[in-house]
Amino acid sequence: MSLSKNQSRRLATLLAVMGHEEIPETMAFDAKKNDYIRPFGDDYALTERGLDEKNRLCTLAGLNIKYQSERIKKAPEKQGLQNVINSIKEKT
């Protein structure tokens, strides 16, 4: 399924925030108004609502773009496996 023009613009804004890219003030204003981003120092950060919207739009577009922390949170078994691997490396 393809995204509408507004959805594409919103996703581009959220991905730019994730990548610490500069975004036009009009796009930042819309995202702040909808509580998708918040100021964080000289930059912006995604809010929980912004993260949910990014995931929703990525799913609609057929994309899988996540922060590393999202991958670990959603897959604790992988984190456990990584702990086992690390303990084996420490023993050798």
C-alpha atoms as a PDB file:
ATOM      1  CA  MET A   1       0.000   0.000   0.000  1.00  0.00           C
ATOM      2  CA  SER A   2       1.341   3.443  -0.809  1.00  0.00           C
ATOM      3  CA  LEU A   3       1.262   6.367   1.563  1.00  0.00           C
ATOM      4  CA  SER A   4      -0.644   9.558   0.918  1.00  0.00           C
ATOM      5  CA  LYS A   5       1.230  12.819   0.445  1.00  0.00           C
ATOM      6  CA  ASN A   6       0.574  13.839   4.059  1.00  0.00           C
ATOM      7  CA  GLN A   7       1.593  10.439   5.412  1.00  0.00           C
ATOM      8  CA  SER A   8       4.788  10.512   3.342  1.00  0.00           C
ATOM      9  CA  ARG A   9       5.633  13.974   4.645  1.00  0.00           C
ATOM     10  CA  ARG A  10       4.941  12.903   8.229  1.00  0.00           C
ATOM     11  CA  LEU A  11       7.089   9.767   7.872  1.00  0.00           C
ATOM     12  CA  ALA A  12       9.920  11.782   6.306  1.00  0.00           C
ATOM     13  CA  THR A  13       9.792  14.183   9.256  1.00  0.00           C
ATOM     14  CA  LEU A  14       9.882  11.374  11.826  1.00  0.00           C
ATOM     15  CA  LEU A  15      12.745   9.590  10.049  1.00  0.00           C
ATOM     16  CA  ALA A  16      14.681  12.859   9.808  1.00  0.00           C
ATOM     17  CA  VAL A  17      14.293  13.306  13.567  1.00  0.00           C
ATOM     18  CA  MET A  18      15.541   9.738  14.098  1.00  0.00           C
ATOM     19  CA  GLY A  19      18.580  10.504  11.925  1.00  0.00           C
ATOM     20  CA  HIS A  20      19.253  13.854  13.631  1.00  0.00           C
ATOM     21  CA  GLU A  21      18.772  15.670  10.324  1.00  0.00           C
ATOM     22  CA  GLU A  22      17.626  19.247  10.040  1.00  0.00           C
ATOM     23  CA  ILE A  23      13.940  19.617   9.244  1.00  0.00           C
ATOM     24  CA  PRO A  24      12.052  22.673   8.010  1.00  0.00           C
ATOM     25  CA  GLU A  25      10.303  24.584  10.781  1.00  0.00           C
ATOM     26  CA  THR A  26       6.879  24.082   9.188  1.00  0.00           C
ATOM     27  CA  MET A  27       7.314  20.308   9.312  1.00  0.00           C
ATOM     28  CA  ALA A  28       8.611  20.497  12.886  1.00  0.00           C
ATOM     29  CA  PHE A  29       5.652  22.671  13.881  1.00  0.00           C
ATOM     30  CA  ASP A  30       3.143  20.126  12.560  1.00  0.00           C
ATOM     31  CA  ALA A  31       4.930  17.251  14.271  1.00  0.00           C
ATOM     32  CA  LYS A  32       5.138  19.154  17.578  1.00  0.00           C
ATOM     33  CA  LYS A  33       1.471  20.127  17.314  1.00  0.00           C
ATOM     34  CA  ASN A  34       0.518  16.457  16.983  1.00  0.00           C
ATOM     35  CA  ASP A  35       2.874  15.480  19.841  1.00  0.00           C
ATOM     36  CA  TYR A  36       5.105  13.335  17.599  1.00  0.00           C
ATOM     37  CA  ILE A  37       8.328  15.146  18.502  1.00  0.00           C
ATOM     38  CA  ARG A  38       9.625  17.291  21.332  1.00  0.00           C
ATOM     39  CA  PRO A  39      12.606  19.618  21.610  1.00  0.00           C
ATOM     40  CA  PHE A  40      15.717  17.904  22.947  1.00  0.00           C
ATOM     41  CA  GLY A  41      18.588  20.342  23.352  1.00  0.00           C
ATOM     42  CA  ASP A  42      19.291  21.868  19.946  1.00  0.00           C
ATOM     43  CA  ASP A  43      17.589  18.932  18.249  1.00  0.00           C
ATOM     44  CA  TYR A  44      14.295  17.035  18.393  1.00  0.00           C
ATOM     45  CA  ALA A  45      13.403  13.611  19.762  1.00  0.00           C
ATOM     46  CA  LEU A  46      10.485  11.316  19.011  1.00  0.00           C
ATOM     47  CA  THR A  47       7.812  11.029  21.670  1.00  0.00           C
ATOM     48  CA  GLU A  48       6.155   7.690  22.421  1.00  0.00           C
ATOM     49  CA  ARG A  49       3.283   8.781  20.187  1.00  0.00           C
ATOM     50  CA  GLY A  50       5.764   9.731  17.438  1.00  0.00           C
ATOM     51  CA  LEU A  51       7.434   6.345  17.693  1.00  0.00           C
ATOM     52  CA  ASP A  52       4.066   4.617  17.368  1.00  0.00           C
ATOM     53  CA  GLU A  53       3.168   6.771  14.346  1.00  0.00           C
ATOM     54  CA  LYS A  54       6.537   6.063  12.715  1.00  0.00           C
ATOM     55  CA  ASN A  55       6.008   2.320  13.206  1.00  0.00           C
ATOM     56  CA  ARG A  56       2.454   2.533  11.846  1.00  0.00           C
ATOM     57  CA  LEU A  57       3.516   4.447   8.725  1.00  0.00           C
ATOM     58  CA  CYS A  58       6.508   2.164   8.149  1.00  0.00           C
ATOM     59  CA  THR A  59       4.207  -0.852   8.338  1.00  0.00           C
ATOM     60  CA  LEU A  60       1.819   0.711   5.818  1.00  0.00           C
ATOM     61  CA  ALA A  61       4.737   1.446   3.498  1.00  0.00           C
ATOM     62  CA  GLY A  62       6.232  -2.027   3.920  1.00  0.00           C
ATOM     63  CA  LEU A  63       9.351  -0.758   5.716  1.00  0.00           C
ATOM     64  CA  ASN A  64      11.100  -2.048   8.817  1.00  0.00           C
ATOM     65  CA  ILE A  65      12.981   0.888  10.344  1.00  0.00           C
ATOM     66  CA  LYS A  66      13.598   0.724  14.079  1.00  0.00           C
ATOM     67  CA  TYR A  67      15.922   2.051  16.745  1.00  0.00           C
ATOM     68  CA  GLN A  68      18.216  -0.626  18.127  1.00  0.00           C
ATOM     69  CA  SER A  69      16.518  -0.202  21.508  1.00  0.00           C
ATOM     70  CA  GLU A  70      13.158  -1.066  19.905  1.00  0.00           C
ATOM     71  CA  ARG A  71      14.579  -4.305  18.532  1.00  0.00           C
ATOM     72  CA  ILE A  72      15.918  -5.377  21.925  1.00  0.00           C
ATOM     73  CA  LYS A  73      12.710  -4.384  23.735  1.00  0.00           C
ATOM     74  CA  LYS A  74      10.558  -6.359  21.308  1.00  0.00           C
ATOM     75  CA  ALA A  75      12.868  -9.398  21.225  1.00  0.00           C
ATOM     76  CA  PRO A  76      14.162 -10.163  24.731  1.00  0.00           C
ATOM     77  CA  GLU A  77      15.116 -13.691  23.670  1.00  0.00           C
ATOM     78  CA  LYS A  78      17.776 -12.187  21.393  1.00  0.00           C
ATOM     79  CA  GLN A  79      19.118 -10.159  24.285  1.00  0.00           C
ATOM     80  CA  GLY A  80      19.314 -13.352  26.353  1.00  0.00           C
ATOM     81  CA  LEU A  81      21.148 -15.086  23.523  1.00  0.00           C
ATOM     82  CA  GLN A  82      23.600 -12.201  23.340  1.00  0.00           C
ATOM     83  CA  ASN A  83      24.272 -12.532  27.090  1.00  0.00           C
ATOM     84  CA  VAL A  84      25.053 -16.246  26.606  1.00  0.00           C
ATOM     85  CA  ILE A  85      27.417 -15.442  23.735  1.00  0.00           C
ATOM     86  CA  ASN A  86      29.162 -12.771  25.799  1.00  0.00           C
ATOM     87  CA  SER A  87      29.601 -15.091  28.790  1.00  0.00           C
ATOM     88  CA  ILE A  88      31.114 -17.767  26.533  1.00  0.00           C
ATOM     89  CA  LYS A  89      33.547 -15.218  25.087  1.00  0.00           C
ATOM     90  CA  GLU A  90      34.556 -14.142  28.598  1.00  0.00           C
ATOM     91  CA  LYS A  91      35.330 -17.726  29.586  1.00  0.00           C
ATOM     92  CA  THR A  92      37.571 -18.339  26.573  1.00  0.00           C
END
